[in-house]
Amino acid sequence: MEAAIRTPRAERYDAIMVGGGFYGCAIAGYLARRGWRVALVEREAELMTRASFVNQARLHNGYHYPRSFRTARRSRVNLDPFRSVFPEAVFSEFRALYAIARNGSKISPAHFERFGQVVGMPMRPAPAEDAALFDHRLIEKVYEVEEPAFNASILRQHHVAELRHLDVDVLTGHQVISVEPLADHRASPLLVSTDTDQQLVADWVFNCTYADLNHAYGEHAGHEPVSDRFGLVHQIAEVALFKPPPPLARRGVTVMDGPFFSAMPFPALGLHSLTHVRYTHHAKWNEDGELPFGFTERCPTTILRRYLETGGGKFGRSRFAWMVRDAARYMPALAGVPLADTLIDIKTLAVGTQVDDARPILMHRDDRMGRLVSVMGGKVDNIFDIFEFIEQTLGLATPPNKGSAANRSAVSAPAAALGN
């Protein structure tokens, strides 16, 4: 069961998480295991219902990033720790296939194979029965790879149970409206206020609001930004869901590397997801640039809500028909597959990463409020790099139980930070 909305048991904490997605939950647990008194504040009624749930549910093993060696390598390094820490959430009961298009791809089969050798990613030519699913007039080569999915519902259950066990105060249905220093110096503790008249004090506050990183106060006017502003690019992204036809029932397919598609198991709902480079992203805008659709509110969550309201909701806005029509050219078994459901939310990237598709971590201490830390990662497995960065930034000692639970995640390279 989800943690209930309630009054916190304490008004003073070692750390407060603002945002109850995967990162907020994981960092809260990480600190609570070290004996910190922690609170987590989430504006939605449940944890992990936004970007942590609305994604491809892919556990990257590097294959997806042939133009970013660092991102591919970190994905490869972090996969096994994720499997070790969250084994019940890892879904491997399908065959993962990557296909290289004959035309329009940024990479060739030779490039993909060399890249796999350098990064250490296992791949092999796909069995004939798998290769036969593709139209070979459009697909040059198909590979069988090792890349599982994850079940976001099980991850949520894991975190809810862990936070309860660790005595973390979880306040769902509360919107943070301000974060202010108690004294006029950078090391001051911080006062966190919510729209439910809660006032909490913490030595550290972590802004884990992802798309709303520059707007963590939501729509509450009259407040300065919660943190230094970051160069972000936002996209309204759709993950369409369908019941796979028999040939796809135990397969996950990705066509690389250009305006193509992925059809992946979505274990949380027992369906497959369909995403398409050309049609998944309904809109794209720079944080400080011109807003889409003539909207004037800059908060990405507000833009998304208005977009859905003015378009008849998620089904009225769905682009599944275009996605599946184009994908069926490459994989005829997809022709005529009906839409079962669709998930639409904000996807956020750091400015500049669209060129090489890199997914660096953002971890930044605020210039004015030095105890305010903003965190954003592009993939769930980035969390292990975040843990190491927190150890370095906060000067934490390695815990005695580093070999158990989520502390099993020791990694050798520092996180890729956009701030310091």
Protein backbone atom coordinates (compact mmCIF):
# COMPACT_ATOMS: atom_id res chain seq x y z
CA MET A 1 0.00 0.00 0.00
CA GLU A 2 1.08 3.55 -0.71
CA ALA A 3 2.29 5.70 2.17
CA ALA A 4 -0.58 7.86 3.44
CA ILE A 5 -0.80 11.63 3.49
CA ARG A 6 -0.02 12.60 7.06
CA THR A 7 1.63 15.08 9.37
CA PRO A 8 5.36 14.34 9.72
CA ARG A 9 6.59 12.91 12.99
CA ALA A 10 9.34 15.52 13.18
CA GLU A 11 9.90 19.07 12.04
CA ARG A 12 13.70 18.82 11.80
CA TYR A 13 15.42 16.43 9.40
CA ASP A 14 18.87 15.63 8.18
CA ALA A 15 17.56 15.62 4.61
CA ILE A 16 14.34 16.29 2.71
CA MET A 17 13.65 14.98 -0.81
CA VAL A 18 11.45 17.18 -2.99
CA GLY A 19 9.96 14.77 -5.52
CA GLY A 20 8.96 11.15 -5.09
CA GLY A 21 10.11 9.62 -8.34
CA PHE A 22 12.67 6.84 -8.56
CA TYR A 23 15.58 9.16 -7.73
CA GLY A 24 13.89 10.85 -4.77
CA CYS A 25 12.88 7.48 -3.31
CA ALA A 26 16.28 5.86 -3.90
CA ILE A 27 18.27 8.76 -2.40
CA ALA A 28 15.91 8.90 0.60
CA GLY A 29 16.52 5.21 1.26
CA TYR A 30 20.25 5.56 0.69
CA LEU A 31 20.56 8.28 3.34
CA ALA A 32 18.12 6.65 5.78
CA ARG A 33 20.22 3.46 5.74
CA ARG A 34 23.08 5.59 7.06
CA GLY A 35 21.01 6.66 10.02
CA TRP A 36 19.83 10.01 8.63
CA ARG A 37 16.37 11.29 9.57
CA VAL A 38 14.73 11.78 6.17
CA ALA A 39 11.46 13.13 4.79
CA LEU A 40 10.16 12.86 1.23
CA VAL A 41 7.58 15.32 -0.16
CA GLU A 42 5.63 14.39 -3.31
CA ARG A 43 2.80 16.41 -4.83
CA GLU A 44 1.09 13.41 -6.48
CA ALA A 45 -1.10 11.00 -4.51
CA GLU A 46 1.39 8.14 -5.08
CA LEU A 47 5.11 7.73 -5.53
CA MET A 48 6.72 7.06 -8.91
CA THR A 49 3.71 7.78 -11.12
CA ARG A 50 5.26 10.25 -13.57
CA ALA A 51 8.49 9.90 -15.57
CA SER A 52 9.64 6.95 -13.43
CA PHE A 53 6.66 5.00 -14.82
CA VAL A 54 6.17 6.65 -18.22
CA ASN A 55 9.17 5.40 -20.20
CA GLN A 56 10.28 2.42 -22.26
CA ALA A 57 11.10 0.38 -19.12
CA ARG A 58 14.39 -0.53 -20.80
CA LEU A 59 17.37 -1.51 -18.64
CA HIS A 60 20.14 -0.22 -20.86
CA ASN A 61 23.17 -2.35 -21.51
CA GLY A 62 24.86 0.18 -23.80
CA TYR A 63 23.47 -0.80 -27.21
CA HIS A 64 21.24 2.26 -27.44
CA TYR A 65 24.13 4.75 -27.35
CA PRO A 66 26.55 4.00 -30.20
CA ARG A 67 27.30 7.75 -30.48
CA SER A 68 28.13 8.22 -26.78
CA PHE A 69 30.82 5.88 -25.51
CA ARG A 70 30.64 7.19 -21.92
CA THR A 71 26.88 6.71 -21.63
CA ALA A 72 27.11 3.23 -23.15
CA ARG A 73 29.94 2.22 -20.83
CA ARG A 74 28.19 3.52 -17.70
CA SER A 75 25.02 1.66 -18.72
CA ARG A 76 27.03 -1.52 -19.14
CA VAL A 77 28.75 -1.08 -15.76
CA ASN A 78 25.53 -0.30 -13.88
CA LEU A 79 23.33 -3.09 -15.24
CA ASP A 80 24.65 -5.84 -12.99
CA PRO A 81 24.35 -3.74 -9.80
CA PHE A 82 20.76 -2.94 -10.74
CA ARG A 83 20.03 -6.64 -11.25
CA SER A 84 21.62 -7.37 -7.88
CA VAL A 85 19.76 -4.67 -5.94
CA PHE A 86 16.35 -4.98 -7.62
CA PRO A 87 16.20 -8.58 -8.88
CA GLU A 88 12.44 -8.85 -8.48
CA ALA A 89 11.92 -5.86 -10.81
CA VAL A 90 14.12 -7.14 -13.66
CA PHE A 91 12.20 -8.75 -16.54
CA SER A 92 14.24 -10.93 -18.92
CA GLU A 93 11.60 -13.29 -20.30
CA PHE A 94 11.96 -12.09 -23.90
CA ARG A 95 14.54 -12.00 -26.67
CA ALA A 96 16.02 -8.54 -27.30
CA LEU A 97 16.70 -7.70 -30.94
CA TYR A 98 18.49 -4.69 -32.44
CA ALA A 99 18.19 -4.07 -36.19
CA ILE A 100 20.19 -1.68 -38.38
CA ALA A 101 18.22 0.05 -41.14
CA ARG A 102 19.63 0.07 -44.68
CA ASN A 103 18.82 3.73 -45.19
CA GLY A 104 18.63 6.69 -42.83
CA SER A 105 20.68 5.16 -40.00
CA LYS A 106 23.50 7.12 -38.39
CA ILE A 107 25.47 3.88 -37.95
CA SER A 108 26.29 0.83 -40.04
CA PRO A 109 26.42 -2.81 -38.93
CA ALA A 110 30.22 -2.62 -38.94
CA HIS A 111 30.11 0.47 -36.69
CA PHE A 112 27.63 -1.21 -34.33
CA GLU A 113 29.75 -4.37 -34.09
CA ARG A 114 33.00 -2.47 -33.47
CA PHE A 115 31.29 -0.36 -30.84
CA GLY A 116 29.98 -3.48 -29.12
CA GLN A 117 33.46 -4.98 -29.02
CA VAL A 118 35.00 -1.83 -27.51
CA VAL A 119 32.33 -1.44 -24.82
CA GLY A 120 32.17 -5.20 -24.17
CA MET A 121 28.51 -5.65 -25.13
CA PRO A 122 27.60 -9.21 -26.16
CA MET A 123 25.78 -9.48 -29.49
CA ARG A 124 25.31 -12.16 -32.11
CA PRO A 125 23.49 -12.44 -35.43
CA ALA A 126 19.81 -13.02 -34.74
CA PRO A 127 18.40 -16.51 -35.36
CA ALA A 128 16.78 -16.92 -38.77
CA GLU A 129 13.27 -16.99 -37.25
CA ASP A 130 13.88 -13.57 -35.69
CA ALA A 131 15.52 -12.04 -38.76
CA ALA A 132 12.56 -13.23 -40.85
CA LEU A 133 10.24 -10.88 -38.93
CA PHE A 134 11.85 -7.87 -40.63
CA ASP A 135 11.52 -6.58 -44.19
CA HIS A 136 15.04 -7.04 -45.50
CA ARG A 137 14.55 -4.45 -48.19
CA LEU A 138 14.65 -1.93 -45.32
CA ILE A 139 16.71 -3.75 -42.66
CA GLU A 140 20.35 -4.59 -43.30
CA LYS A 141 21.20 -6.74 -40.28
CA VAL A 142 19.54 -7.99 -37.08
CA TYR A 143 21.31 -8.84 -33.80
CA GLU A 144 20.30 -10.70 -30.69
CA VAL A 145 21.53 -8.81 -27.63
CA GLU A 146 21.34 -8.99 -23.84
CA GLU A 147 19.12 -6.19 -22.56
CA PRO A 148 16.28 -6.73 -20.04
CA ALA A 149 13.34 -4.53 -19.07
CA PHE A 150 12.19 -3.44 -15.62
CA ASN A 151 8.81 -3.50 -13.93
CA ALA A 152 8.10 0.01 -12.64
CA SER A 153 5.24 -1.19 -10.43
CA ILE A 154 7.55 -3.58 -8.61
CA LEU A 155 10.17 -0.84 -8.22
CA ARG A 156 7.48 1.35 -6.64
CA GLN A 157 6.46 -1.43 -4.25
CA HIS A 158 10.11 -1.95 -3.33
CA HIS A 159 10.60 1.70 -2.44
CA VAL A 160 7.32 2.08 -0.55
CA ALA A 161 8.19 -0.93 1.61
CA GLU A 162 11.79 0.17 2.12
CA LEU A 163 10.92 3.75 3.07
CA ARG A 164 8.36 2.50 5.56
CA HIS A 165 10.88 0.04 7.04
CA LEU A 166 13.51 2.81 7.32
CA ASP A 167 11.03 5.17 9.03
CA VAL A 168 11.23 7.80 6.30
CA ASP A 169 8.40 10.34 6.55
CA VAL A 170 6.61 10.20 3.19
CA LEU A 171 4.21 13.06 2.52
CA THR A 172 2.21 12.44 -0.65
CA GLY A 173 -0.26 15.01 -1.91
CA HIS A 174 1.94 17.91 -0.70
CA GLN A 175 3.36 20.56 -3.04
CA VAL A 176 6.51 22.38 -1.94
CA ILE A 177 5.96 26.12 -2.37
CA SER A 178 9.24 27.48 -1.02
CA VAL A 179 12.73 26.58 0.17
CA GLU A 180 14.47 29.30 2.17
CA PRO A 181 17.66 29.52 4.26
CA LEU A 182 17.24 30.06 8.00
CA ALA A 183 20.34 32.27 8.14
CA ASP A 184 22.25 34.47 5.75
CA HIS A 185 25.10 32.11 4.93
CA ARG A 186 25.59 29.32 2.40
CA ALA A 187 25.78 26.54 5.01
CA SER A 188 22.47 27.49 6.62
CA PRO A 189 19.81 24.82 7.24
CA LEU A 190 16.79 25.20 4.97
CA LEU A 191 13.10 25.77 5.66
CA VAL A 192 10.74 23.85 3.36
CA SER A 193 7.12 25.02 3.17
CA THR A 194 4.23 23.20 1.47
CA ASP A 195 0.78 24.14 0.22
CA THR A 196 -0.66 22.14 3.12
CA ASP A 197 0.91 24.51 5.66
CA GLN A 198 3.69 22.10 6.63
CA GLN A 199 7.00 23.72 7.57
CA LEU A 200 10.00 21.43 7.79
CA VAL A 201 13.64 22.22 8.48
CA ALA A 202 16.52 20.19 7.07
CA ASP A 203 20.30 20.32 6.94
CA TRP A 204 20.10 19.21 3.28
CA VAL A 205 17.35 19.46 0.65
CA PHE A 206 17.45 17.45 -2.58
CA ASN A 207 15.48 18.78 -5.55
CA CYS A 208 14.53 15.60 -7.46
CA THR A 209 11.65 17.05 -9.48
CA TYR A 210 13.08 16.07 -12.91
CA ALA A 211 11.22 18.07 -15.59
CA ASP A 212 10.28 20.75 -13.06
CA LEU A 213 13.83 21.12 -11.76
CA ASN A 214 13.71 24.85 -12.53
CA HIS A 215 10.10 25.08 -11.29
CA ALA A 216 10.02 23.02 -8.11
CA TYR A 217 7.62 25.50 -6.53
CA GLY A 218 5.04 24.48 -9.12
CA GLU A 219 2.62 27.25 -10.03
CA HIS A 220 2.96 29.20 -6.79
CA ALA A 221 3.80 32.78 -7.67
CA GLY A 222 5.92 35.21 -5.70
CA HIS A 223 8.88 32.93 -5.01
CA GLU A 224 12.36 32.99 -6.39
CA PRO A 225 13.48 29.86 -8.28
CA VAL A 226 14.14 26.96 -5.94
CA SER A 227 17.66 26.59 -7.30
CA ASP A 228 20.12 27.89 -9.86
CA ARG A 229 18.63 27.52 -13.31
CA PHE A 230 19.74 24.71 -15.59
CA GLY A 231 19.92 24.43 -19.36
CA LEU A 232 17.19 21.89 -20.07
CA VAL A 233 15.26 20.74 -23.12
CA HIS A 234 11.74 19.38 -22.58
CA GLN A 235 9.69 17.07 -24.77
CA ILE A 236 6.10 15.96 -24.49
CA ALA A 237 6.64 12.24 -25.02
CA GLU A 238 4.19 9.40 -25.66
CA VAL A 239 4.70 5.75 -24.78
CA ALA A 240 1.94 3.91 -26.63
CA LEU A 241 0.90 0.47 -25.35
CA PHE A 242 -0.45 -2.49 -27.30
CA LYS A 243 -1.04 -6.21 -26.88
CA PRO A 244 1.71 -7.84 -28.92
CA PRO A 245 0.78 -10.21 -31.75
CA PRO A 246 2.16 -13.77 -31.31
CA PRO A 247 5.41 -13.15 -33.24
CA LEU A 248 6.28 -10.31 -30.84
CA ALA A 249 4.95 -11.78 -27.60
CA ARG A 250 8.39 -12.70 -26.26
CA ARG A 251 10.52 -10.29 -28.26
CA GLY A 252 11.70 -6.72 -27.85
CA VAL A 253 12.70 -4.86 -31.01
CA THR A 254 14.74 -1.72 -31.60
CA VAL A 255 15.59 -0.38 -35.06
CA MET A 256 18.73 1.80 -35.02
CA ASP A 257 19.88 4.57 -35.34
CA GLY A 258 17.69 7.27 -36.79
CA PRO A 259 13.96 8.02 -37.31
CA PHE A 260 12.88 4.53 -36.33
CA PHE A 261 11.08 2.72 -33.51
CA SER A 262 11.22 0.39 -30.50
CA ALA A 263 8.61 -2.19 -29.47
CA MET A 264 9.47 -3.35 -25.95
CA PRO A 265 7.79 -5.38 -23.21
CA PHE A 266 6.18 -3.09 -20.62
CA PRO A 267 6.08 -5.49 -17.65
CA ALA A 268 4.13 -3.22 -15.27
CA LEU A 269 1.01 -3.54 -17.42
CA GLY A 270 1.65 -6.82 -19.24
CA LEU A 271 1.70 -5.06 -22.62
CA HIS A 272 4.29 -3.87 -25.14
CA SER A 273 5.31 -0.26 -25.57
CA LEU A 274 5.74 1.39 -28.95
CA THR A 275 7.89 4.49 -29.29
CA HIS A 276 9.00 6.17 -32.48
CA VAL A 277 11.75 8.76 -32.92
CA ARG A 278 9.61 10.79 -35.32
CA TYR A 279 6.20 10.56 -33.59
CA THR A 280 6.77 9.91 -29.87
CA HIS A 281 7.74 13.51 -29.17
CA HIS A 282 4.70 15.72 -29.64
CA ALA A 283 6.54 18.95 -28.83
CA LYS A 284 10.01 20.10 -27.90
CA TRP A 285 11.22 23.35 -26.36
CA ASN A 286 14.21 24.86 -24.62
CA GLU A 287 13.67 25.83 -20.98
CA ASP A 288 14.37 29.49 -21.72
CA GLY A 289 13.14 29.54 -25.31
CA GLU A 290 9.84 29.90 -27.10
CA LEU A 291 7.08 27.81 -25.52
CA PRO A 292 4.99 25.35 -27.57
CA PHE A 293 1.38 25.90 -28.66
CA GLY A 294 1.48 29.57 -27.71
CA PHE A 295 1.34 28.73 -24.00
CA THR A 296 2.63 31.31 -21.54
CA GLU A 297 3.19 29.20 -18.37
CA ARG A 298 6.77 27.91 -18.22
CA CYS A 299 6.31 25.06 -15.74
CA PRO A 300 6.60 21.87 -17.88
CA THR A 301 3.98 20.01 -15.82
CA THR A 302 1.52 22.85 -16.39
CA ILE A 303 2.25 22.84 -20.13
CA LEU A 304 1.59 19.09 -20.27
CA ARG A 305 -1.70 19.40 -18.41
CA ARG A 306 -2.93 22.16 -20.68
CA TYR A 307 -1.84 20.25 -23.79
CA LEU A 308 -3.88 17.21 -22.77
CA GLU A 309 -6.89 19.26 -21.66
CA THR A 310 -7.08 21.13 -24.96
CA GLY A 311 -6.67 17.98 -27.06
CA GLY A 312 -9.27 15.67 -25.58
CA GLY A 313 -6.95 13.90 -23.14
CA LYS A 314 -4.23 11.37 -23.83
CA PHE A 315 -6.21 9.31 -26.37
CA GLY A 316 -7.19 12.45 -28.25
CA ARG A 317 -3.52 13.38 -28.47
CA SER A 318 -2.13 9.91 -29.24
CA ARG A 319 0.04 9.48 -32.33
CA PHE A 320 -0.07 5.70 -32.17
CA ALA A 321 -1.64 5.41 -35.63
CA TRP A 322 1.37 7.12 -37.23
CA MET A 323 3.84 5.15 -35.09
CA VAL A 324 2.44 1.73 -35.92
CA ARG A 325 1.91 2.49 -39.60
CA ASP A 326 5.57 3.41 -40.07
CA ALA A 327 6.89 0.62 -37.81
CA ALA A 328 4.91 -1.98 -39.80
CA ARG A 329 6.98 -1.14 -42.88
CA TYR A 330 10.00 -2.60 -41.12
CA MET A 331 8.17 -5.30 -39.16
CA PRO A 332 4.96 -6.40 -40.97
CA ALA A 333 3.65 -8.27 -37.89
CA LEU A 334 2.81 -4.86 -36.40
CA ALA A 335 0.33 -3.97 -39.14
CA GLY A 336 -3.14 -3.25 -37.77
CA VAL A 337 -2.22 -3.71 -34.10
CA PRO A 338 -4.76 -1.70 -32.01
CA LEU A 339 -3.91 0.78 -29.29
CA ALA A 340 -4.52 -0.60 -25.77
CA ASP A 341 -3.46 2.42 -23.73
CA THR A 342 -1.05 5.32 -23.93
CA LEU A 343 1.13 7.20 -21.46
CA ILE A 344 2.10 10.82 -22.09
CA ASP A 345 4.47 12.81 -19.91
CA ILE A 346 7.45 15.16 -20.00
CA LYS A 347 10.89 13.87 -20.98
CA THR A 348 13.77 16.18 -20.04
CA LEU A 349 17.35 16.30 -21.32
CA ALA A 350 20.35 18.52 -20.72
CA VAL A 351 20.99 21.05 -23.48
CA GLY A 352 23.45 19.68 -26.02
CA THR A 353 22.84 15.96 -25.46
CA GLN A 354 20.58 15.62 -28.51
CA VAL A 355 23.65 15.58 -30.75
CA ASP A 356 25.26 12.40 -29.41
CA ASP A 357 22.30 11.07 -27.39
CA ALA A 358 24.38 11.12 -24.18
CA ARG A 359 22.64 10.90 -20.80
CA PRO A 360 24.89 12.68 -18.28
CA ILE A 361 23.88 13.15 -14.66
CA LEU A 362 23.03 16.57 -13.30
CA MET A 363 24.06 17.00 -9.67
CA HIS A 364 24.47 20.58 -8.53
CA ARG A 365 24.86 22.44 -5.21
CA ASP A 366 23.05 25.77 -5.27
CA ASP A 367 25.22 28.88 -5.34
CA ARG A 368 23.16 30.76 -2.73
CA MET A 369 21.84 27.87 -0.62
CA GLY A 370 24.75 25.49 -0.37
CA ARG A 371 22.66 22.80 1.34
CA LEU A 372 20.28 22.60 -1.63
CA VAL A 373 21.27 19.91 -4.14
CA SER A 374 19.54 19.42 -7.50
CA VAL A 375 19.64 15.94 -9.03
CA MET A 376 18.56 14.67 -12.43
CA GLY A 377 19.50 11.44 -14.17
CA GLY A 378 18.39 10.19 -17.56
CA LYS A 379 18.03 6.49 -16.74
CA VAL A 380 17.20 4.43 -13.65
CA ASP A 381 20.65 2.81 -13.58
CA ASN A 382 22.26 6.27 -13.19
CA ILE A 383 21.27 6.03 -9.53
CA PHE A 384 24.47 4.15 -8.71
CA ASP A 385 26.62 6.97 -10.04
CA ILE A 386 24.44 9.38 -8.02
CA PHE A 387 25.21 7.46 -4.81
CA GLU A 388 28.93 7.78 -5.42
CA PHE A 389 28.62 11.46 -6.20
CA ILE A 390 26.66 12.03 -2.97
CA GLU A 391 29.45 10.34 -1.03
CA GLN A 392 31.96 12.72 -2.60
CA THR A 393 29.85 15.89 -2.41
CA LEU A 394 28.56 15.43 1.13
CA GLY A 395 31.79 13.91 2.43
CA LEU A 396 30.09 10.70 3.53
CA ALA A 397 32.14 7.75 4.62
CA THR A 398 31.59 4.41 2.94
CA PRO A 399 29.07 2.53 5.09
CA PRO A 400 29.98 -0.81 6.70
CA ASN A 401 27.20 -2.57 4.73
CA LYS A 402 28.34 -1.35 1.33
CA GLY A 403 28.01 -4.90 0.05
CA SER A 404 24.28 -5.17 0.73
CA ALA A 405 21.01 -3.59 -0.39
CA ALA A 406 21.36 -0.55 -2.65
CA ASN A 407 24.84 0.11 -1.28
CA ARG A 408 25.99 -2.85 -3.37
CA SER A 409 26.27 -0.27 -6.09
CA ALA A 410 29.90 0.80 -5.74
CA VAL A 411 31.20 2.02 -9.09
CA SER A 412 34.70 2.99 -10.08
CA ALA A 413 34.19 6.14 -12.17
CA PRO A 414 32.78 9.45 -10.90
CA ALA A 415 29.37 10.64 -12.02
CA ALA A 416 29.19 12.86 -15.07
CA ALA A 417 28.12 16.16 -13.50
CA LEU A 418 26.78 19.29 -15.13
CA GLY A 419 27.32 21.27 -11.94
CA ASN A 420 29.46 21.01 -8.86
